[in-house]
Amino acid sequence: MRDEQVLSETSQFKALGHPLRHRMLVALRQRPATFAQLAAALGATKGTIGYHVKILEQAGLLRVAYVRRVRGGTEQYYEPTSPRLRIAGDAPVGGEFLVKAALNEMLPPEEGEPETTVLRHVRLTTAQASALVARLEELGDEVPDHPAGRPYGVLLSLYRADIPALPAD
């Protein structure tokens, strides 16, 4: 079984719906970080980061990974509560939530960089759709994360489409 967090609460979607909080969670997937480290990476103040960390903590999306003693006090390092997020079937939002998040972080490709976006409409049986979902999840799990690599996003989705059926001839 995958280590994933199933999102179902309105508070979780409100927390993730803010662009800075979404970027914080994405940044923390690299490694745990302090308020100061997040502030430097995201171009925000430590106070702003602290406010948004508390919201993510209350929504159950962030936790303290460890505490380190430093001169004059301690530093708390934060991490996501799970490496993967999945939207529950009965959630107040659907897959469009993740699609919008992906669109907000997309950058235009640089010269010579690989990039693709494919949209295809197909008709599938429930069994075929289930098999495709399993394969997409396997594919997502197989993508290696190279710490020295450039950041890319991978969004895999199978969704019911509102495609009209043409009448028979």
C-alpha atoms as a PDB file:
ATOM      1  CA  MET A   1       0.000   0.000   0.000  1.00  0.00           C
ATOM      2  CA  ARG A   2       1.246   3.483  -0.876  1.00  0.00           C
ATOM      3  CA  ASP A   3       2.030   6.034   1.765  1.00  0.00           C
ATOM      4  CA  GLU A   4      -0.555   8.617   0.795  1.00  0.00           C
ATOM      5  CA  GLN A   5      -2.922  11.014   2.470  1.00  0.00           C
ATOM      6  CA  VAL A   6      -6.514  11.034   1.285  1.00  0.00           C
ATOM      7  CA  LEU A   7      -7.924  14.556   1.203  1.00  0.00           C
ATOM      8  CA  SER A   8     -11.574  14.815   2.118  1.00  0.00           C
ATOM      9  CA  GLU A   9     -12.010  17.776   4.487  1.00  0.00           C
ATOM     10  CA  THR A  10     -12.915  21.284   3.379  1.00  0.00           C
ATOM     11  CA  SER A  11     -10.173  22.656   5.656  1.00  0.00           C
ATOM     12  CA  GLN A  12      -7.557  20.659   3.735  1.00  0.00           C
ATOM     13  CA  PHE A  13      -8.664  22.092   0.394  1.00  0.00           C
ATOM     14  CA  LYS A  14      -8.819  25.622   1.810  1.00  0.00           C
ATOM     15  CA  ALA A  15      -5.289  25.187   3.146  1.00  0.00           C
ATOM     16  CA  LEU A  16      -3.994  23.883  -0.186  1.00  0.00           C
ATOM     17  CA  GLY A  17      -5.962  26.436  -2.185  1.00  0.00           C
ATOM     18  CA  HIS A  18      -3.637  29.297  -1.225  1.00  0.00           C
ATOM     19  CA  PRO A  19      -0.761  29.543  -3.748  1.00  0.00           C
ATOM     20  CA  LEU A  20       1.939  30.144  -1.109  1.00  0.00           C
ATOM     21  CA  ARG A  21       0.807  27.204   1.018  1.00  0.00           C
ATOM     22  CA  HIS A  22       0.752  24.963  -2.043  1.00  0.00           C
ATOM     23  CA  ARG A  23       4.304  26.070  -2.944  1.00  0.00           C
ATOM     24  CA  MET A  24       5.440  25.494   0.645  1.00  0.00           C
ATOM     25  CA  LEU A  25       4.146  21.935   0.608  1.00  0.00           C
ATOM     26  CA  VAL A  26       5.801  21.263  -2.753  1.00  0.00           C
ATOM     27  CA  ALA A  27       9.119  22.713  -1.523  1.00  0.00           C
ATOM     28  CA  LEU A  28       9.000  20.589   1.636  1.00  0.00           C
ATOM     29  CA  ARG A  29       8.743  17.424  -0.456  1.00  0.00           C
ATOM     30  CA  GLN A  30      12.490  17.926  -1.106  1.00  0.00           C
ATOM     31  CA  ARG A  31      13.437  17.780   2.578  1.00  0.00           C
ATOM     32  CA  PRO A  32      12.345  19.163   5.956  1.00  0.00           C
ATOM     33  CA  ALA A  33      12.980  22.894   6.437  1.00  0.00           C
ATOM     34  CA  THR A  34      12.674  25.702   8.991  1.00  0.00           C
ATOM     35  CA  PHE A  35      10.624  28.907   8.731  1.00  0.00           C
ATOM     36  CA  ALA A  36      13.812  30.777   7.744  1.00  0.00           C
ATOM     37  CA  GLN A  37      14.698  28.273   5.019  1.00  0.00           C
ATOM     38  CA  LEU A  38      11.166  28.364   3.599  1.00  0.00           C
ATOM     39  CA  ALA A  39      11.130  32.168   3.728  1.00  0.00           C
ATOM     40  CA  ALA A  40      14.409  32.345   1.780  1.00  0.00           C
ATOM     41  CA  ALA A  41      13.280  29.794  -0.816  1.00  0.00           C
ATOM     42  CA  LEU A  42       9.864  31.378  -1.367  1.00  0.00           C
ATOM     43  CA  GLY A  43      10.729  35.070  -1.014  1.00  0.00           C
ATOM     44  CA  ALA A  44       8.446  35.597   1.991  1.00  0.00           C
ATOM     45  CA  THR A  45       8.938  36.777   5.563  1.00  0.00           C
ATOM     46  CA  LYS A  46       9.352  34.319   8.433  1.00  0.00           C
ATOM     47  CA  GLY A  47       6.159  35.714   9.959  1.00  0.00           C
ATOM     48  CA  THR A  48       4.187  34.996   6.789  1.00  0.00           C
ATOM     49  CA  ILE A  49       5.666  31.501   6.591  1.00  0.00           C
ATOM     50  CA  GLY A  50       4.833  30.883  10.260  1.00  0.00           C
ATOM     51  CA  TYR A  51       1.209  31.886   9.717  1.00  0.00           C
ATOM     52  CA  HIS A  52       0.814  29.581   6.722  1.00  0.00           C
ATOM     53  CA  VAL A  53       2.655  26.675   8.394  1.00  0.00           C
ATOM     54  CA  LYS A  54       0.135  26.794  11.248  1.00  0.00           C
ATOM     55  CA  ILE A  55      -2.765  26.566   8.790  1.00  0.00           C
ATOM     56  CA  LEU A  56      -1.155  23.589   7.034  1.00  0.00           C
ATOM     57  CA  GLU A  57      -0.493  21.949  10.415  1.00  0.00           C
ATOM     58  CA  GLN A  58      -4.096  22.452  11.544  1.00  0.00           C
ATOM     59  CA  ALA A  59      -5.290  20.882   8.285  1.00  0.00           C
ATOM     60  CA  GLY A  60      -3.081  17.857   8.984  1.00  0.00           C
ATOM     61  CA  LEU A  61      -0.848  18.469   5.964  1.00  0.00           C
ATOM     62  CA  LEU A  62       2.407  19.421   7.760  1.00  0.00           C
ATOM     63  CA  ARG A  63       4.123  18.241  10.928  1.00  0.00           C
ATOM     64  CA  VAL A  64       7.335  18.870  12.824  1.00  0.00           C
ATOM     65  CA  ALA A  65       9.899  16.411  11.449  1.00  0.00           C
ATOM     66  CA  TYR A  66      12.496  17.112  14.128  1.00  0.00           C
ATOM     67  CA  VAL A  67      13.800  19.833  16.428  1.00  0.00           C
ATOM     68  CA  ARG A  68      17.423  20.948  16.438  1.00  0.00           C
ATOM     69  CA  ARG A  69      19.175  22.813  19.235  1.00  0.00           C
ATOM     70  CA  VAL A  70      20.905  25.959  18.056  1.00  0.00           C
ATOM     71  CA  ARG A  71      22.646  28.755  19.891  1.00  0.00           C
ATOM     72  CA  GLY A  72      19.979  30.595  21.825  1.00  0.00           C
ATOM     73  CA  GLY A  73      17.106  28.178  21.258  1.00  0.00           C
ATOM     74  CA  THR A  74      15.733  25.515  18.976  1.00  0.00           C
ATOM     75  CA  GLU A  75      14.768  25.233  15.315  1.00  0.00           C
ATOM     76  CA  GLN A  76      11.784  23.231  14.177  1.00  0.00           C
ATOM     77  CA  TYR A  77      12.009  21.480  10.827  1.00  0.00           C
ATOM     78  CA  TYR A  78       8.701  20.842   9.065  1.00  0.00           C
ATOM     79  CA  GLU A  79       7.736  18.137   6.572  1.00  0.00           C
ATOM     80  CA  PRO A  80       4.569  17.009   4.783  1.00  0.00           C
ATOM     81  CA  THR A  81       2.584  14.380   6.675  1.00  0.00           C
ATOM     82  CA  SER A  82       2.633  12.145   3.590  1.00  0.00           C
ATOM     83  CA  PRO A  83       4.630  12.000   0.344  1.00  0.00           C
ATOM     84  CA  ARG A  84       1.459  11.662  -1.772  1.00  0.00           C
ATOM     85  CA  LEU A  85      -1.950  13.273  -1.798  1.00  0.00           C
ATOM     86  CA  ARG A  86      -5.095  11.721  -3.209  1.00  0.00           C
ATOM     87  CA  ILE A  87      -8.522  13.340  -3.436  1.00  0.00           C
ATOM     88  CA  ALA A  88     -11.264  11.226  -1.856  1.00  0.00           C
ATOM     89  CA  GLY A  89     -14.117  10.206  -4.129  1.00  0.00           C
ATOM     90  CA  ASP A  90     -16.642  12.009  -1.913  1.00  0.00           C
ATOM     91  CA  ALA A  91     -14.505  15.141  -1.418  1.00  0.00           C
ATOM     92  CA  PRO A  92     -16.064  18.610  -1.786  1.00  0.00           C
ATOM     93  CA  VAL A  93     -13.789  19.179  -4.821  1.00  0.00           C
ATOM     94  CA  GLY A  94     -12.681  16.897  -7.618  1.00  0.00           C
ATOM     95  CA  GLY A  95      -9.653  16.337  -9.794  1.00  0.00           C
ATOM     96  CA  GLU A  96      -9.902  19.864 -11.170  1.00  0.00           C
ATOM     97  CA  PHE A  97      -8.362  21.013  -7.886  1.00  0.00           C
ATOM     98  CA  LEU A  98      -5.073  19.240  -8.715  1.00  0.00           C
ATOM     99  CA  VAL A  99      -5.247  20.281 -12.368  1.00  0.00           C
ATOM    100  CA  LYS A 100      -5.534  23.959 -11.348  1.00  0.00           C
ATOM    101  CA  ALA A 101      -2.626  23.526  -8.935  1.00  0.00           C
ATOM    102  CA  ALA A 102      -0.514  21.988 -11.715  1.00  0.00           C
ATOM    103  CA  LEU A 103      -1.441  24.796 -14.129  1.00  0.00           C
ATOM    104  CA  ASN A 104      -0.355  27.385 -11.558  1.00  0.00           C
ATOM    105  CA  GLU A 105       3.124  25.882 -11.277  1.00  0.00           C
ATOM    106  CA  MET A 106       3.732  25.207 -15.002  1.00  0.00           C
ATOM    107  CA  LEU A 107       6.620  27.063 -16.623  1.00  0.00           C
ATOM    108  CA  PRO A 108       7.197  27.343 -20.370  1.00  0.00           C
ATOM    109  CA  PRO A 109       9.825  24.850 -21.547  1.00  0.00           C
ATOM    110  CA  GLU A 110      13.324  26.165 -22.130  1.00  0.00           C
ATOM    111  CA  GLU A 111      15.119  25.574 -25.423  1.00  0.00           C
ATOM    112  CA  GLY A 112      15.876  21.876 -25.840  1.00  0.00           C
ATOM    113  CA  GLU A 113      14.043  20.766 -22.693  1.00  0.00           C
ATOM    114  CA  PRO A 114      11.641  17.820 -22.827  1.00  0.00           C
ATOM    115  CA  GLU A 115       7.975  18.639 -22.291  1.00  0.00           C
ATOM    116  CA  THR A 116       4.670  17.118 -23.298  1.00  0.00           C
ATOM    117  CA  THR A 117       0.996  17.544 -22.678  1.00  0.00           C
ATOM    118  CA  VAL A 118      -1.371  15.045 -24.245  1.00  0.00           C
ATOM    119  CA  LEU A 119      -5.158  14.961 -24.107  1.00  0.00           C
ATOM    120  CA  ARG A 120      -6.928  11.929 -25.494  1.00  0.00           C
ATOM    121  CA  HIS A 121     -10.567  10.878 -25.270  1.00  0.00           C
ATOM    122  CA  VAL A 122     -11.378   7.171 -25.275  1.00  0.00           C
ATOM    123  CA  ARG A 123     -14.319   4.948 -24.469  1.00  0.00           C
ATOM    124  CA  LEU A 124     -13.505   2.285 -21.869  1.00  0.00           C
ATOM    125  CA  THR A 125     -15.295  -0.377 -19.891  1.00  0.00           C
ATOM    126  CA  THR A 126     -15.098  -0.125 -16.107  1.00  0.00           C
ATOM    127  CA  ALA A 127     -12.563  -2.966 -16.113  1.00  0.00           C
ATOM    128  CA  GLN A 128     -10.425  -1.203 -18.722  1.00  0.00           C
ATOM    129  CA  ALA A 129     -10.603   2.079 -16.798  1.00  0.00           C
ATOM    130  CA  SER A 130      -9.584   0.323 -13.569  1.00  0.00           C
ATOM    131  CA  ALA A 131      -6.631  -1.320 -15.323  1.00  0.00           C
ATOM    132  CA  LEU A 132      -5.557   2.031 -16.775  1.00  0.00           C
ATOM    133  CA  VAL A 133      -5.738   3.694 -13.341  1.00  0.00           C
ATOM    134  CA  ALA A 134      -3.506   0.948 -11.923  1.00  0.00           C
ATOM    135  CA  ARG A 135      -1.019   1.424 -14.770  1.00  0.00           C
ATOM    136  CA  LEU A 136      -0.972   5.215 -14.356  1.00  0.00           C
ATOM    137  CA  GLU A 137      -0.292   4.813 -10.636  1.00  0.00           C
ATOM    138  CA  GLU A 138       2.540   2.377 -11.399  1.00  0.00           C
ATOM    139  CA  LEU A 139       3.983   4.816 -13.912  1.00  0.00           C
ATOM    140  CA  GLY A 140       3.832   7.642 -11.372  1.00  0.00           C
ATOM    141  CA  ASP A 141       5.598   5.465  -8.791  1.00  0.00           C
ATOM    142  CA  GLU A 142       8.336   4.531 -11.284  1.00  0.00           C
ATOM    143  CA  VAL A 143       9.420   8.121 -11.970  1.00  0.00           C
ATOM    144  CA  PRO A 144      12.756   8.574 -10.167  1.00  0.00           C
ATOM    145  CA  ASP A 145      13.422  11.754  -8.187  1.00  0.00           C
ATOM    146  CA  HIS A 146      17.014  12.877  -8.738  1.00  0.00           C
ATOM    147  CA  PRO A 147      18.035  15.428  -6.049  1.00  0.00           C
ATOM    148  CA  ALA A 148      20.384  17.270  -8.438  1.00  0.00           C
ATOM    149  CA  GLY A 149      17.838  17.313 -11.273  1.00  0.00           C
ATOM    150  CA  ARG A 150      15.623  20.173 -12.418  1.00  0.00           C
ATOM    151  CA  PRO A 151      12.070  20.309 -11.073  1.00  0.00           C
ATOM    152  CA  TYR A 152       9.332  18.879 -13.281  1.00  0.00           C
ATOM    153  CA  GLY A 153       5.689  18.140 -12.538  1.00  0.00           C
ATOM    154  CA  VAL A 154       3.932  14.926 -13.479  1.00  0.00           C
ATOM    155  CA  LEU A 155       0.136  14.935 -13.480  1.00  0.00           C
ATOM    156  CA  LEU A 156      -1.529  11.637 -14.342  1.00  0.00           C
ATOM    157  CA  SER A 157      -5.291  11.560 -14.579  1.00  0.00           C
ATOM    158  CA  LEU A 158      -8.159   9.468 -15.830  1.00  0.00           C
ATOM    159  CA  TYR A 159     -11.499  11.205 -15.554  1.00  0.00           C
ATOM    160  CA  ARG A 160     -15.051  10.793 -16.804  1.00  0.00           C
ATOM    161  CA  ALA A 161     -15.479  13.127 -19.763  1.00  0.00           C
ATOM    162  CA  ASP A 162     -18.607  14.924 -20.915  1.00  0.00           C
ATOM    163  CA  ILE A 163     -18.403  13.803 -24.558  1.00  0.00           C
ATOM    164  CA  PRO A 164     -21.650  13.566 -26.528  1.00  0.00           C
ATOM    165  CA  ALA A 165     -22.408  10.280 -28.276  1.00  0.00           C
ATOM    166  CA  LEU A 166     -23.264  10.647 -31.939  1.00  0.00           C
ATOM    167  CA  PRO A 167     -26.455   8.899 -33.055  1.00  0.00           C
ATOM    168  CA  ALA A 168     -26.169   5.850 -35.298  1.00  0.00           C
ATOM    169  CA  ASP A 169     -26.291   6.394 -39.069  1.00  0.00           C
END
